[in-house]
Amino acid sequence: MDKIKSLFKASPIAMAVVSLVIAGVASAAIVSYISNAPTAAVTVSAPVAMGIYEGGIDINKTGGTSINLTPTFGGSSMPFTTTAKNQANNRIGGYYVMVINAGSNDKITGQEFTSIMFDKNKLPASSQNGEIINKLCVVKGDGTLMTLANYSKGYSEGVYSNQKLVLLLDIDGDSTQVNNDVHESTGMCSPLTPYIGNETRSFFHLDPNETETETWTFTPTWNTGAKGIFTISAQYVNDLAKYAAYQYGL
């Protein structure tokens, strides 16, 4: 015993080691878990798969994610078709928007097209088919809407000067229906007022598990004075304000 005491007196390091051992034993505690923790990683992707191809409906085509349309001329019509499948196992919905981009050296005037015909390619023919140029609303950076005509007027007055425009297909903008005491619309491109949960008018649903492909054909006619290299894209979105702010770089 005297030798051990002498060792501790002569060796502070030995004393520290013993202290650590004692401390380690003393720090044992009761834990809150009583099992291991199995872990699973999952990758979640966007539920709607979209494609685009040139021309009218073709049951043998699903479309690509990026294509080059045949060069055309001002005054010409240029049909293209978009497809959309819901890959999720629940019914979902969103807003159908198009983005028109004039390129870095040009601006969108709002007068690039004189007509845009629309066909949902379903039988019996949908009442929504036909001319939609007056049903395309410009989505502003805060998610509010204005008519394409008002944007064009603002452009000519120097108020607006956008390289790209986010356009909502406000297919129910002229609706007179009332749901849950809420008027679906108070006019084309009027505020989108929720009437079922967060749903508003012009909210398109897609059935689950790819049970049906939405195949829509658009036939825009270019203004005779239109010239340039334009990009046209389509997408389903669930938050117009966030999407527009992203597109406009806000």
C-alpha atoms as a PDB file:
ATOM      1  CA  MET A   1       0.000   0.000   0.000  1.00  0.00           C
ATOM      2  CA  ASP A   2       2.834   2.382   0.877  1.00  0.00           C
ATOM      3  CA  LYS A   3       4.331   1.630  -2.533  1.00  0.00           C
ATOM      4  CA  ILE A   4       1.068   2.533  -4.323  1.00  0.00           C
ATOM      5  CA  LYS A   5       0.779   5.770  -2.371  1.00  0.00           C
ATOM      6  CA  SER A   6       4.357   6.568  -3.231  1.00  0.00           C
ATOM      7  CA  LEU A   7       3.590   5.880  -6.918  1.00  0.00           C
ATOM      8  CA  PHE A   8       0.678   8.317  -6.906  1.00  0.00           C
ATOM      9  CA  LYS A   9       2.758  10.960  -5.223  1.00  0.00           C
ATOM     10  CA  ALA A  10       5.555  10.482  -7.731  1.00  0.00           C
ATOM     11  CA  SER A  11       3.316  10.241 -10.839  1.00  0.00           C
ATOM     12  CA  PRO A  12       0.539  12.825 -11.423  1.00  0.00           C
ATOM     13  CA  ILE A  13      -0.221  11.053 -14.747  1.00  0.00           C
ATOM     14  CA  ALA A  14      -1.027   7.808 -12.993  1.00  0.00           C
ATOM     15  CA  MET A  15      -3.343   9.696 -10.650  1.00  0.00           C
ATOM     16  CA  ALA A  16      -5.110  11.282 -13.660  1.00  0.00           C
ATOM     17  CA  VAL A  17      -5.618   7.897 -15.357  1.00  0.00           C
ATOM     18  CA  VAL A  18      -7.184   6.440 -12.258  1.00  0.00           C
ATOM     19  CA  SER A  19      -9.417   9.496 -11.936  1.00  0.00           C
ATOM     20  CA  LEU A  20     -10.624   9.076 -15.525  1.00  0.00           C
ATOM     21  CA  VAL A  21     -11.399   5.420 -14.985  1.00  0.00           C
ATOM     22  CA  ILE A  22     -13.392   6.221 -11.883  1.00  0.00           C
ATOM     23  CA  ALA A  23     -15.209   9.044 -13.700  1.00  0.00           C
ATOM     24  CA  GLY A  24     -16.018   6.755 -16.627  1.00  0.00           C
ATOM     25  CA  VAL A  25     -17.587   4.158 -14.394  1.00  0.00           C
ATOM     26  CA  ALA A  26     -19.528   6.790 -12.515  1.00  0.00           C
ATOM     27  CA  SER A  27     -21.043   8.347 -15.717  1.00  0.00           C
ATOM     28  CA  ALA A  28     -23.074   5.266 -16.726  1.00  0.00           C
ATOM     29  CA  ALA A  29     -26.792   6.200 -17.172  1.00  0.00           C
ATOM     30  CA  ILE A  30     -30.232   4.834 -18.023  1.00  0.00           C
ATOM     31  CA  VAL A  31     -30.956   5.322 -21.753  1.00  0.00           C
ATOM     32  CA  SER A  32     -34.310   6.291 -23.295  1.00  0.00           C
ATOM     33  CA  TYR A  33     -34.311   3.692 -26.091  1.00  0.00           C
ATOM     34  CA  ILE A  34     -34.657  -0.061 -25.857  1.00  0.00           C
ATOM     35  CA  SER A  35     -33.959  -1.165 -29.458  1.00  0.00           C
ATOM     36  CA  ASN A  36     -31.768  -0.493 -32.440  1.00  0.00           C
ATOM     37  CA  ALA A  37     -32.927   2.053 -35.079  1.00  0.00           C
ATOM     38  CA  PRO A  38     -33.665   0.577 -38.545  1.00  0.00           C
ATOM     39  CA  THR A  39     -33.309   3.254 -41.216  1.00  0.00           C
ATOM     40  CA  ALA A  40     -34.702   3.486 -44.761  1.00  0.00           C
ATOM     41  CA  ALA A  41     -33.735   6.084 -47.356  1.00  0.00           C
ATOM     42  CA  VAL A  42     -36.226   7.133 -50.037  1.00  0.00           C
ATOM     43  CA  THR A  43     -35.974   9.310 -53.131  1.00  0.00           C
ATOM     44  CA  VAL A  44     -39.121  11.321 -53.907  1.00  0.00           C
ATOM     45  CA  SER A  45     -39.567  12.660 -57.451  1.00  0.00           C
ATOM     46  CA  ALA A  46     -42.051  15.000 -59.127  1.00  0.00           C
ATOM     47  CA  PRO A  47     -45.255  13.011 -59.697  1.00  0.00           C
ATOM     48  CA  VAL A  48     -46.239  14.276 -63.149  1.00  0.00           C
ATOM     49  CA  ALA A  49     -44.271  13.125 -66.188  1.00  0.00           C
ATOM     50  CA  MET A  50     -44.726  15.479 -69.134  1.00  0.00           C
ATOM     51  CA  GLY A  51     -43.656  15.325 -72.763  1.00  0.00           C
ATOM     52  CA  ILE A  52     -44.010  17.415 -75.888  1.00  0.00           C
ATOM     53  CA  TYR A  53     -44.031  16.634 -79.609  1.00  0.00           C
ATOM     54  CA  GLU A  54     -44.718  18.493 -82.814  1.00  0.00           C
ATOM     55  CA  GLY A  55     -48.080  18.273 -84.550  1.00  0.00           C
ATOM     56  CA  GLY A  56     -51.501  17.035 -83.484  1.00  0.00           C
ATOM     57  CA  ILE A  57     -52.337  13.998 -81.367  1.00  0.00           C
ATOM     58  CA  ASP A  58     -50.511  10.777 -82.213  1.00  0.00           C
ATOM     59  CA  ILE A  59     -51.305   7.750 -80.046  1.00  0.00           C
ATOM     60  CA  ASN A  60     -47.880   6.308 -80.787  1.00  0.00           C
ATOM     61  CA  LYS A  61     -46.048   9.269 -79.271  1.00  0.00           C
ATOM     62  CA  THR A  62     -45.424  10.238 -75.667  1.00  0.00           C
ATOM     63  CA  GLY A  63     -43.169  13.172 -76.474  1.00  0.00           C
ATOM     64  CA  GLY A  64     -39.726  14.220 -75.378  1.00  0.00           C
ATOM     65  CA  THR A  65     -38.708  16.547 -72.586  1.00  0.00           C
ATOM     66  CA  SER A  66     -36.957  18.889 -75.013  1.00  0.00           C
ATOM     67  CA  ILE A  67     -37.417  19.193 -78.776  1.00  0.00           C
ATOM     68  CA  ASN A  68     -36.663  21.611 -81.581  1.00  0.00           C
ATOM     69  CA  LEU A  69     -39.768  22.548 -83.524  1.00  0.00           C
ATOM     70  CA  THR A  70     -39.519  22.978 -87.279  1.00  0.00           C
ATOM     71  CA  PRO A  71     -38.586  26.604 -88.123  1.00  0.00           C
ATOM     72  CA  THR A  72     -41.622  28.580 -89.205  1.00  0.00           C
ATOM     73  CA  PHE A  73     -42.611  32.060 -90.379  1.00  0.00           C
ATOM     74  CA  GLY A  74     -44.638  34.956 -89.046  1.00  0.00           C
ATOM     75  CA  GLY A  75     -48.283  34.443 -89.923  1.00  0.00           C
ATOM     76  CA  SER A  76     -47.950  30.644 -89.805  1.00  0.00           C
ATOM     77  CA  SER A  77     -49.696  28.190 -87.477  1.00  0.00           C
ATOM     78  CA  MET A  78     -47.574  25.740 -85.500  1.00  0.00           C
ATOM     79  CA  PRO A  79     -49.360  22.842 -83.737  1.00  0.00           C
ATOM     80  CA  PHE A  80     -47.692  20.994 -80.868  1.00  0.00           C
ATOM     81  CA  THR A  81     -48.984  18.505 -78.312  1.00  0.00           C
ATOM     82  CA  THR A  82     -48.136  18.031 -74.639  1.00  0.00           C
ATOM     83  CA  THR A  83     -48.687  14.864 -72.622  1.00  0.00           C
ATOM     84  CA  ALA A  84     -49.027  14.447 -68.867  1.00  0.00           C
ATOM     85  CA  LYS A  85     -49.207  11.326 -66.671  1.00  0.00           C
ATOM     86  CA  ASN A  86     -49.675  11.146 -62.925  1.00  0.00           C
ATOM     87  CA  GLN A  87     -47.166   8.603 -61.595  1.00  0.00           C
ATOM     88  CA  ALA A  88     -48.345   8.901 -57.987  1.00  0.00           C
ATOM     89  CA  ASN A  89     -50.813   6.446 -56.446  1.00  0.00           C
ATOM     90  CA  ASN A  90     -53.239   9.204 -55.479  1.00  0.00           C
ATOM     91  CA  ARG A  91     -55.226  11.680 -57.543  1.00  0.00           C
ATOM     92  CA  ILE A  92     -53.434  15.010 -57.675  1.00  0.00           C
ATOM     93  CA  GLY A  93     -53.935  18.360 -59.332  1.00  0.00           C
ATOM     94  CA  GLY A  94     -52.278  21.597 -60.248  1.00  0.00           C
ATOM     95  CA  TYR A  95     -52.260  24.585 -62.546  1.00  0.00           C
ATOM     96  CA  TYR A  96     -51.226  24.186 -66.171  1.00  0.00           C
ATOM     97  CA  VAL A  97     -48.812  26.936 -67.143  1.00  0.00           C
ATOM     98  CA  MET A  98     -46.733  27.785 -70.175  1.00  0.00           C
ATOM     99  CA  VAL A  99     -43.559  29.847 -70.202  1.00  0.00           C
ATOM    100  CA  ILE A 100     -42.701  31.853 -73.316  1.00  0.00           C
ATOM    101  CA  ASN A 101     -39.059  32.963 -73.469  1.00  0.00           C
ATOM    102  CA  ALA A 102     -37.851  35.410 -76.106  1.00  0.00           C
ATOM    103  CA  GLY A 103     -34.154  34.920 -75.342  1.00  0.00           C
ATOM    104  CA  SER A 104     -31.651  37.197 -73.648  1.00  0.00           C
ATOM    105  CA  ASN A 105     -31.612  39.877 -76.337  1.00  0.00           C
ATOM    106  CA  ASP A 106     -35.378  40.245 -76.830  1.00  0.00           C
ATOM    107  CA  LYS A 107     -38.496  41.038 -74.840  1.00  0.00           C
ATOM    108  CA  ILE A 108     -41.986  39.577 -74.927  1.00  0.00           C
ATOM    109  CA  THR A 109     -44.494  42.101 -76.273  1.00  0.00           C
ATOM    110  CA  GLY A 110     -47.620  40.044 -75.633  1.00  0.00           C
ATOM    111  CA  GLN A 111     -48.503  40.248 -79.324  1.00  0.00           C
ATOM    112  CA  GLU A 112     -46.390  37.363 -80.593  1.00  0.00           C
ATOM    113  CA  PHE A 113     -49.507  35.272 -81.286  1.00  0.00           C
ATOM    114  CA  THR A 114     -52.739  36.307 -82.960  1.00  0.00           C
ATOM    115  CA  SER A 115     -54.527  33.062 -82.067  1.00  0.00           C
ATOM    116  CA  ILE A 116     -54.000  29.924 -79.986  1.00  0.00           C
ATOM    117  CA  MET A 117     -56.399  27.046 -80.586  1.00  0.00           C
ATOM    118  CA  PHE A 118     -56.764  24.329 -77.928  1.00  0.00           C
ATOM    119  CA  ASP A 119     -57.983  20.719 -78.105  1.00  0.00           C
ATOM    120  CA  LYS A 120     -58.186  18.334 -75.112  1.00  0.00           C
ATOM    121  CA  ASN A 121     -58.406  15.412 -77.558  1.00  0.00           C
ATOM    122  CA  LYS A 122     -61.301  13.700 -75.795  1.00  0.00           C
ATOM    123  CA  LEU A 123     -64.655  12.353 -76.924  1.00  0.00           C
ATOM    124  CA  PRO A 124     -67.172  13.738 -76.707  1.00  0.00           C
ATOM    125  CA  ALA A 125     -65.405  16.968 -77.590  1.00  0.00           C
ATOM    126  CA  SER A 126     -64.780  19.194 -74.591  1.00  0.00           C
ATOM    127  CA  SER A 127     -66.572  22.507 -74.315  1.00  0.00           C
ATOM    128  CA  GLN A 128     -63.176  23.906 -73.333  1.00  0.00           C
ATOM    129  CA  ASN A 129     -61.835  23.344 -76.844  1.00  0.00           C
ATOM    130  CA  GLY A 130     -61.331  26.288 -79.157  1.00  0.00           C
ATOM    131  CA  GLU A 131     -59.688  29.697 -79.011  1.00  0.00           C
ATOM    132  CA  ILE A 132     -57.847  30.326 -75.719  1.00  0.00           C
ATOM    133  CA  ILE A 133     -55.688  33.366 -76.378  1.00  0.00           C
ATOM    134  CA  ASN A 134     -58.040  35.429 -74.206  1.00  0.00           C
ATOM    135  CA  LYS A 135     -57.879  32.736 -71.490  1.00  0.00           C
ATOM    136  CA  LEU A 136     -54.119  32.994 -71.055  1.00  0.00           C
ATOM    137  CA  CYS A 137     -53.307  35.085 -68.002  1.00  0.00           C
ATOM    138  CA  VAL A 138     -49.907  36.518 -67.225  1.00  0.00           C
ATOM    139  CA  VAL A 139     -48.786  35.341 -63.776  1.00  0.00           C
ATOM    140  CA  LYS A 140     -46.970  38.186 -62.061  1.00  0.00           C
ATOM    141  CA  GLY A 141     -44.099  37.699 -59.626  1.00  0.00           C
ATOM    142  CA  ASP A 142     -46.443  37.701 -56.623  1.00  0.00           C
ATOM    143  CA  GLY A 143     -48.748  35.088 -58.155  1.00  0.00           C
ATOM    144  CA  THR A 144     -51.544  37.491 -59.096  1.00  0.00           C
ATOM    145  CA  LEU A 145     -52.931  37.508 -62.611  1.00  0.00           C
ATOM    146  CA  MET A 146     -53.486  39.984 -65.413  1.00  0.00           C
ATOM    147  CA  THR A 147     -54.740  39.563 -68.942  1.00  0.00           C
ATOM    148  CA  LEU A 148     -52.313  39.182 -71.802  1.00  0.00           C
ATOM    149  CA  ALA A 149     -53.920  42.263 -73.372  1.00  0.00           C
ATOM    150  CA  ASN A 150     -53.125  44.337 -70.268  1.00  0.00           C
ATOM    151  CA  TYR A 151     -49.521  43.140 -70.316  1.00  0.00           C
ATOM    152  CA  SER A 152     -49.258  44.085 -74.003  1.00  0.00           C
ATOM    153  CA  LYS A 153     -50.677  47.532 -73.256  1.00  0.00           C
ATOM    154  CA  GLY A 154     -48.220  47.954 -70.384  1.00  0.00           C
ATOM    155  CA  TYR A 155     -45.347  46.882 -72.636  1.00  0.00           C
ATOM    156  CA  SER A 156     -46.231  49.550 -75.215  1.00  0.00           C
ATOM    157  CA  GLU A 157     -46.313  52.131 -72.415  1.00  0.00           C
ATOM    158  CA  GLY A 158     -42.939  51.055 -71.034  1.00  0.00           C
ATOM    159  CA  VAL A 159     -44.402  49.595 -67.828  1.00  0.00           C
ATOM    160  CA  TYR A 160     -43.458  45.971 -68.580  1.00  0.00           C
ATOM    161  CA  SER A 161     -40.417  44.587 -70.341  1.00  0.00           C
ATOM    162  CA  ASN A 162     -40.072  40.864 -69.685  1.00  0.00           C
ATOM    163  CA  GLN A 163     -37.762  38.433 -71.401  1.00  0.00           C
ATOM    164  CA  LYS A 164     -40.174  35.660 -70.445  1.00  0.00           C
ATOM    165  CA  LEU A 165     -43.805  35.354 -69.442  1.00  0.00           C
ATOM    166  CA  VAL A 166     -45.472  32.767 -67.233  1.00  0.00           C
ATOM    167  CA  LEU A 167     -48.949  32.140 -68.638  1.00  0.00           C
ATOM    168  CA  LEU A 168     -51.769  30.370 -66.765  1.00  0.00           C
ATOM    169  CA  LEU A 169     -54.426  28.597 -68.790  1.00  0.00           C
ATOM    170  CA  ASP A 170     -57.432  30.103 -66.987  1.00  0.00           C
ATOM    171  CA  ILE A 171     -59.821  27.705 -68.653  1.00  0.00           C
ATOM    172  CA  ASP A 172     -62.569  28.399 -66.087  1.00  0.00           C
ATOM    173  CA  GLY A 173     -62.039  32.153 -66.002  1.00  0.00           C
ATOM    174  CA  ASP A 174     -65.495  32.788 -67.455  1.00  0.00           C
ATOM    175  CA  SER A 175     -67.206  30.377 -65.039  1.00  0.00           C
ATOM    176  CA  THR A 176     -70.406  31.522 -63.341  1.00  0.00           C
ATOM    177  CA  GLN A 177     -70.551  28.564 -60.939  1.00  0.00           C
ATOM    178  CA  VAL A 178     -70.783  28.956 -57.170  1.00  0.00           C
ATOM    179  CA  ASN A 179     -69.163  26.360 -54.882  1.00  0.00           C
ATOM    180  CA  ASN A 180     -69.576  26.465 -51.110  1.00  0.00           C
ATOM    181  CA  ASP A 181     -71.037  29.966 -51.491  1.00  0.00           C
ATOM    182  CA  VAL A 182     -67.870  31.085 -53.299  1.00  0.00           C
ATOM    183  CA  HIS A 183     -68.017  32.355 -56.875  1.00  0.00           C
ATOM    184  CA  GLU A 184     -65.433  30.444 -58.894  1.00  0.00           C
ATOM    185  CA  SER A 185     -64.646  33.528 -60.936  1.00  0.00           C
ATOM    186  CA  THR A 186     -65.390  37.229 -61.039  1.00  0.00           C
ATOM    187  CA  GLY A 187     -63.966  37.577 -64.535  1.00  0.00           C
ATOM    188  CA  MET A 188     -61.130  36.323 -66.679  1.00  0.00           C
ATOM    189  CA  CYS A 189     -57.785  36.544 -64.865  1.00  0.00           C
ATOM    190  CA  SER A 190     -59.539  37.676 -61.683  1.00  0.00           C
ATOM    191  CA  PRO A 191     -58.150  36.544 -58.286  1.00  0.00           C
ATOM    192  CA  LEU A 192     -58.073  32.783 -57.714  1.00  0.00           C
ATOM    193  CA  THR A 193     -60.355  32.261 -54.715  1.00  0.00           C
ATOM    194  CA  PRO A 194     -60.189  28.853 -52.942  1.00  0.00           C
ATOM    195  CA  TYR A 195     -63.555  27.095 -52.651  1.00  0.00           C
ATOM    196  CA  ILE A 196     -62.541  23.483 -51.847  1.00  0.00           C
ATOM    197  CA  GLY A 197     -59.521  23.353 -49.531  1.00  0.00           C
ATOM    198  CA  ASN A 198     -56.789  25.180 -51.413  1.00  0.00           C
ATOM    199  CA  GLU A 199     -58.333  24.485 -54.816  1.00  0.00           C
ATOM    200  CA  THR A 200     -59.506  27.269 -57.074  1.00  0.00           C
ATOM    201  CA  ARG A 201     -60.917  27.428 -60.580  1.00  0.00           C
ATOM    202  CA  SER A 202     -58.709  26.285 -63.480  1.00  0.00           C
ATOM    203  CA  PHE A 203     -57.214  23.588 -61.238  1.00  0.00           C
ATOM    204  CA  PHE A 204     -56.671  20.419 -63.276  1.00  0.00           C
ATOM    205  CA  HIS A 205     -56.798  16.933 -61.730  1.00  0.00           C
ATOM    206  CA  LEU A 206     -54.858  13.880 -62.876  1.00  0.00           C
ATOM    207  CA  ASP A 207     -55.951  10.352 -62.020  1.00  0.00           C
ATOM    208  CA  PRO A 208     -53.472   8.078 -60.164  1.00  0.00           C
ATOM    209  CA  ASN A 209     -51.060   5.421 -61.378  1.00  0.00           C
ATOM    210  CA  GLU A 210     -50.849   6.558 -64.998  1.00  0.00           C
ATOM    211  CA  THR A 211     -54.414   5.380 -65.613  1.00  0.00           C
ATOM    212  CA  GLU A 212     -54.916   8.172 -68.135  1.00  0.00           C
ATOM    213  CA  THR A 213     -52.679  10.434 -70.177  1.00  0.00           C
ATOM    214  CA  GLU A 214     -53.769  14.011 -70.667  1.00  0.00           C
ATOM    215  CA  THR A 215     -52.890  14.816 -74.273  1.00  0.00           C
ATOM    216  CA  TRP A 216     -53.504  18.439 -75.196  1.00  0.00           C
ATOM    217  CA  THR A 217     -52.856  20.043 -78.562  1.00  0.00           C
ATOM    218  CA  PHE A 218     -52.111  23.740 -78.969  1.00  0.00           C
ATOM    219  CA  THR A 219     -52.022  25.517 -82.318  1.00  0.00           C
ATOM    220  CA  PRO A 220     -50.616  29.028 -82.000  1.00  0.00           C
ATOM    221  CA  THR A 221     -50.584  31.338 -85.010  1.00  0.00           C
ATOM    222  CA  TRP A 222     -47.637  33.709 -85.068  1.00  0.00           C
ATOM    223  CA  ASN A 223     -48.067  37.412 -85.647  1.00  0.00           C
ATOM    224  CA  THR A 224     -46.802  38.294 -89.141  1.00  0.00           C
ATOM    225  CA  GLY A 225     -44.325  40.650 -87.483  1.00  0.00           C
ATOM    226  CA  ALA A 226     -42.946  38.048 -85.063  1.00  0.00           C
ATOM    227  CA  LYS A 227     -39.275  37.213 -85.471  1.00  0.00           C
ATOM    228  CA  GLY A 228     -36.682  35.593 -83.231  1.00  0.00           C
ATOM    229  CA  ILE A 229     -35.780  32.390 -81.430  1.00  0.00           C
ATOM    230  CA  PHE A 230     -38.444  31.542 -78.849  1.00  0.00           C
ATOM    231  CA  THR A 231     -38.649  28.789 -76.238  1.00  0.00           C
ATOM    232  CA  ILE A 232     -42.033  27.419 -75.179  1.00  0.00           C
ATOM    233  CA  SER A 233     -42.333  25.141 -72.147  1.00  0.00           C
ATOM    234  CA  ALA A 234     -45.269  23.686 -70.231  1.00  0.00           C
ATOM    235  CA  GLN A 235     -45.515  22.524 -66.638  1.00  0.00           C
ATOM    236  CA  TYR A 236     -47.939  21.617 -63.848  1.00  0.00           C
ATOM    237  CA  VAL A 237     -47.404  23.726 -60.724  1.00  0.00           C
ATOM    238  CA  ASN A 238     -49.099  23.924 -57.328  1.00  0.00           C
ATOM    239  CA  ASP A 239     -47.878  27.347 -56.188  1.00  0.00           C
ATOM    240  CA  LEU A 240     -48.130  30.076 -58.808  1.00  0.00           C
ATOM    241  CA  ALA A 241     -46.387  32.747 -56.737  1.00  0.00           C
ATOM    242  CA  LYS A 242     -43.289  30.647 -55.979  1.00  0.00           C
ATOM    243  CA  TYR A 243     -43.120  29.351 -59.539  1.00  0.00           C
ATOM    244  CA  ALA A 244     -43.415  32.800 -61.111  1.00  0.00           C
ATOM    245  CA  ALA A 245     -40.844  34.291 -58.730  1.00  0.00           C
ATOM    246  CA  TYR A 246     -38.451  31.496 -59.670  1.00  0.00           C
ATOM    247  CA  GLN A 247     -38.998  32.005 -63.398  1.00  0.00           C
ATOM    248  CA  TYR A 248     -38.548  35.762 -63.140  1.00  0.00           C
ATOM    249  CA  GLY A 249     -35.487  35.445 -60.908  1.00  0.00           C
ATOM    250  CA  LEU A 250     -37.082  37.314 -57.993  1.00  0.00           C
END
